[in-house]
C-alpha atoms as a PDB file:
ATOM      1  CA  MET A   1      48.685  58.546  -6.720  1.00  0.00           C
ATOM      2  CA  PHE A   2      50.402  60.876  -9.103  1.00  0.00           C
ATOM      3  CA  GLU A   3      53.851  60.306  -6.819  1.00  0.00           C
ATOM      4  CA  SER A   4      53.556  56.606  -6.456  1.00  0.00           C
ATOM      5  CA  GLY A   5      51.252  55.221  -9.028  1.00  0.00           C
ATOM      6  CA  GLN A   6      52.143  53.472 -12.513  1.00  0.00           C
ATOM      7  CA  SER A   7      51.432  55.685 -15.378  1.00  0.00           C
ATOM      8  CA  GLY A   8      51.043  54.966 -18.991  1.00  0.00           C
ATOM      9  CA  PHE A   9      49.858  56.589 -22.279  1.00  0.00           C
ATOM     10  CA  ILE A  10      46.957  55.352 -24.985  1.00  0.00           C
ATOM     11  CA  PHE A  11      45.862  58.167 -27.347  1.00  0.00           C
ATOM     12  CA  PRO A  12      44.066  60.239 -26.449  1.00  0.00           C
ATOM     13  CA  PHE A  13      44.607  59.706 -22.752  1.00  0.00           C
ATOM     14  CA  ARG A  14      47.301  59.925 -20.043  1.00  0.00           C
ATOM     15  CA  TYR A  15      46.180  57.644 -17.175  1.00  0.00           C
ATOM     16  CA  VAL A  16      47.433  57.161 -13.890  1.00  0.00           C
ATOM     17  CA  TRP A  17      46.661  54.315 -11.472  1.00  0.00           C
ATOM     18  CA  PHE A  18      47.445  53.089  -7.966  1.00  0.00           C
ATOM     19  CA  ALA A  19      46.243  49.969  -6.704  1.00  0.00           C
ATOM     20  CA  GLU A  20      46.394  48.301  -3.083  1.00  0.00           C
ATOM     21  CA  ALA A  21      45.311  45.032  -1.482  1.00  0.00           C
ATOM     22  CA  ASP A  22      41.648  45.701   0.285  1.00  0.00           C
ATOM     23  CA  PRO A  23      39.117  43.062   1.683  1.00  0.00           C
ATOM     24  CA  VAL A  24      36.467  45.637   0.694  1.00  0.00           C
ATOM     25  CA  PRO A  25      37.478  46.517  -3.061  1.00  0.00           C
ATOM     26  CA  SER A  26      36.383  49.661  -4.577  1.00  0.00           C
ATOM     27  CA  VAL A  27      37.145  51.549  -7.661  1.00  0.00           C
ATOM     28  CA  GLU A  28      37.636  55.370  -8.076  1.00  0.00           C
ATOM     29  CA  VAL A  29      37.993  57.206 -11.105  1.00  0.00           C
ATOM     30  CA  LEU A  30      38.968  60.701 -11.941  1.00  0.00           C
ATOM     31  CA  PHE A  31      38.085  62.079 -15.476  1.00  0.00           C
ATOM     32  CA  SER A  32      40.475  65.177 -16.363  1.00  0.00           C
ATOM     33  CA  VAL A  33      40.029  67.218 -19.573  1.00  0.00           C
ATOM     34  CA  PRO A  34      42.707  70.428 -19.315  1.00  0.00           C
ATOM     35  CA  LYS A  35      41.649  73.824 -20.032  1.00  0.00           C
ATOM     36  CA  LYS A  36      45.034  74.309 -21.689  1.00  0.00           C
ATOM     37  CA  PHE A  37      43.684  72.277 -24.853  1.00  0.00           C
ATOM     38  CA  HIS A  38      40.262  72.938 -24.654  1.00  0.00           C
ATOM     39  CA  LYS A  39      39.356  76.649 -23.499  1.00  0.00           C
ATOM     40  CA  ARG A  40      35.807  76.491 -24.067  1.00  0.00           C
ATOM     41  CA  ALA A  41      33.544  74.917 -21.204  1.00  0.00           C
ATOM     42  CA  ASN A  42      31.149  73.374 -23.433  1.00  0.00           C
ATOM     43  CA  ARG A  43      34.101  71.199 -25.321  1.00  0.00           C
ATOM     44  CA  ARG A  44      35.467  69.990 -21.970  1.00  0.00           C
ATOM     45  CA  ASN A  45      32.073  69.202 -20.683  1.00  0.00           C
ATOM     46  CA  LEU A  46      31.421  67.054 -24.190  1.00  0.00           C
ATOM     47  CA  LEU A  47      34.815  65.206 -23.677  1.00  0.00           C
ATOM     48  CA  ARG A  48      34.178  64.589 -20.258  1.00  0.00           C
ATOM     49  CA  ARG A  49      30.839  63.236 -20.712  1.00  0.00           C
ATOM     50  CA  ARG A  50      31.957  60.981 -23.543  1.00  0.00           C
ATOM     51  CA  THR A  51      34.900  59.601 -21.473  1.00  0.00           C
ATOM     52  CA  LYS A  52      32.304  59.067 -18.422  1.00  0.00           C
ATOM     53  CA  GLU A  53      30.138  57.068 -20.815  1.00  0.00           C
ATOM     54  CA  ALA A  54      32.612  54.841 -22.205  1.00  0.00           C
ATOM     55  CA  TYR A  55      33.926  54.048 -18.699  1.00  0.00           C
ATOM     56  CA  ARG A  56      30.365  53.372 -17.556  1.00  0.00           C
ATOM     57  CA  LEU A  57      30.021  50.787 -20.492  1.00  0.00           C
ATOM     58  CA  GLN A  58      33.303  49.115 -20.060  1.00  0.00           C
ATOM     59  CA  LYS A  59      33.784  48.960 -16.120  1.00  0.00           C
ATOM     60  CA  GLN A  60      32.972  45.215 -16.266  1.00  0.00           C
ATOM     61  CA  ILE A  61      36.480  44.474 -17.211  1.00  0.00           C
ATOM     62  CA  LEU A  62      37.553  45.827 -13.746  1.00  0.00           C
ATOM     63  CA  HIS A  63      35.160  44.074 -12.097  1.00  0.00           C
ATOM     64  CA  ALA A  64      35.746  40.787 -13.969  1.00  0.00           C
ATOM     65  CA  SER A  65      39.142  40.415 -12.587  1.00  0.00           C
ATOM     66  CA  GLY A  66      37.971  39.203  -9.607  1.00  0.00           C
ATOM     67  CA  ARG A  67      40.971  40.550  -7.545  1.00  0.00           C
ATOM     68  CA  ALA A  68      39.737  42.346  -3.977  1.00  0.00           C
ATOM     69  CA  VAL A  69      42.026  45.647  -4.755  1.00  0.00           C
ATOM     70  CA  ASN A  70      41.149  49.195  -3.970  1.00  0.00           C
ATOM     71  CA  LEU A  71      41.868  51.172  -7.255  1.00  0.00           C
ATOM     72  CA  ASP A  72      42.467  54.849  -8.088  1.00  0.00           C
ATOM     73  CA  LEU A  73      42.491  55.691 -11.747  1.00  0.00           C
ATOM     74  CA  ALA A  74      42.965  59.015 -13.467  1.00  0.00           C
ATOM     75  CA  LEU A  75      42.075  59.531 -17.216  1.00  0.00           C
ATOM     76  CA  ILE A  76      43.556  62.640 -18.596  1.00  0.00           C
ATOM     77  CA  TYR A  77      42.577  63.723 -22.055  1.00  0.00           C
ATOM     78  CA  SER A  78      45.730  64.803 -23.754  1.00  0.00           C
ATOM     79  CA  SER A  79      44.551  65.506 -27.180  1.00  0.00           C
ATOM     80  CA  LYS A  80      44.136  69.090 -28.713  1.00  0.00           C
ATOM     81  CA  GLU A  81      41.394  67.773 -30.944  1.00  0.00           C
ATOM     82  CA  ALA A  82      37.878  66.653 -29.882  1.00  0.00           C
ATOM     83  CA  LEU A  83      37.749  62.873 -31.160  1.00  0.00           C
ATOM     84  CA  ALA A  84      34.355  60.937 -31.920  1.00  0.00           C
ATOM     85  CA  TYR A  85      33.029  58.655 -29.096  1.00  0.00           C
ATOM     86  CA  LYS A  86      34.168  55.386 -30.687  1.00  0.00           C
ATOM     87  CA  HIS A  87      38.038  56.568 -30.622  1.00  0.00           C
ATOM     88  CA  ILE A  88      37.569  57.409 -26.835  1.00  0.00           C
ATOM     89  CA  GLN A  89      35.660  54.246 -26.231  1.00  0.00           C
ATOM     90  CA  HIS A  90      38.254  52.053 -27.821  1.00  0.00           C
ATOM     91  CA  ALA A  91      41.064  53.911 -25.769  1.00  0.00           C
ATOM     92  CA  VAL A  92      39.089  53.353 -22.399  1.00  0.00           C
ATOM     93  CA  ARG A  93      38.401  49.640 -23.147  1.00  0.00           C
ATOM     94  CA  ARG A  94      42.297  49.303 -23.820  1.00  0.00           C
ATOM     95  CA  ILE A  95      43.411  51.316 -20.725  1.00  0.00           C
ATOM     96  CA  LEU A  96      41.183  49.088 -18.612  1.00  0.00           C
ATOM     97  CA  GLU A  97      42.564  45.938 -20.102  1.00  0.00           C
ATOM     98  CA  SER A  98      45.959  46.931 -19.595  1.00  0.00           C
ATOM     99  CA  VAL A  99      45.419  48.016 -15.931  1.00  0.00           C
ATOM    100  CA  VAL A 100      43.833  44.617 -15.364  1.00  0.00           C
ATOM    101  CA  GLU A 101      46.863  43.078 -16.890  1.00  0.00           C
ATOM    102  CA  GLN A 102      48.968  44.758 -14.687  1.00  0.00           C
ATOM    103  CA  LEU A 103      47.228  43.895 -11.637  1.00  0.00           C
END
């Protein structure tokens, strides 16, 4: 996925995705908060939980597209600051919308 997929950046996430046509559609998502920027595990876990919750509430954007694809998506948190949930939610929504546009 990281070698042949498409990527982009919407603050605070770098995202990489790869899609292929498949009769049984599925979506797999990877959430990553690097230790390089957030040394404390509790901070990384907090940001990962916020990202997972934002994705859980927005994932219908991917399923509403109506395309039968096998989608792999990686969301990599790339900010040194711990942002509020609303910023993360807005960024995840924009990422999902841009992926659907490019499918």
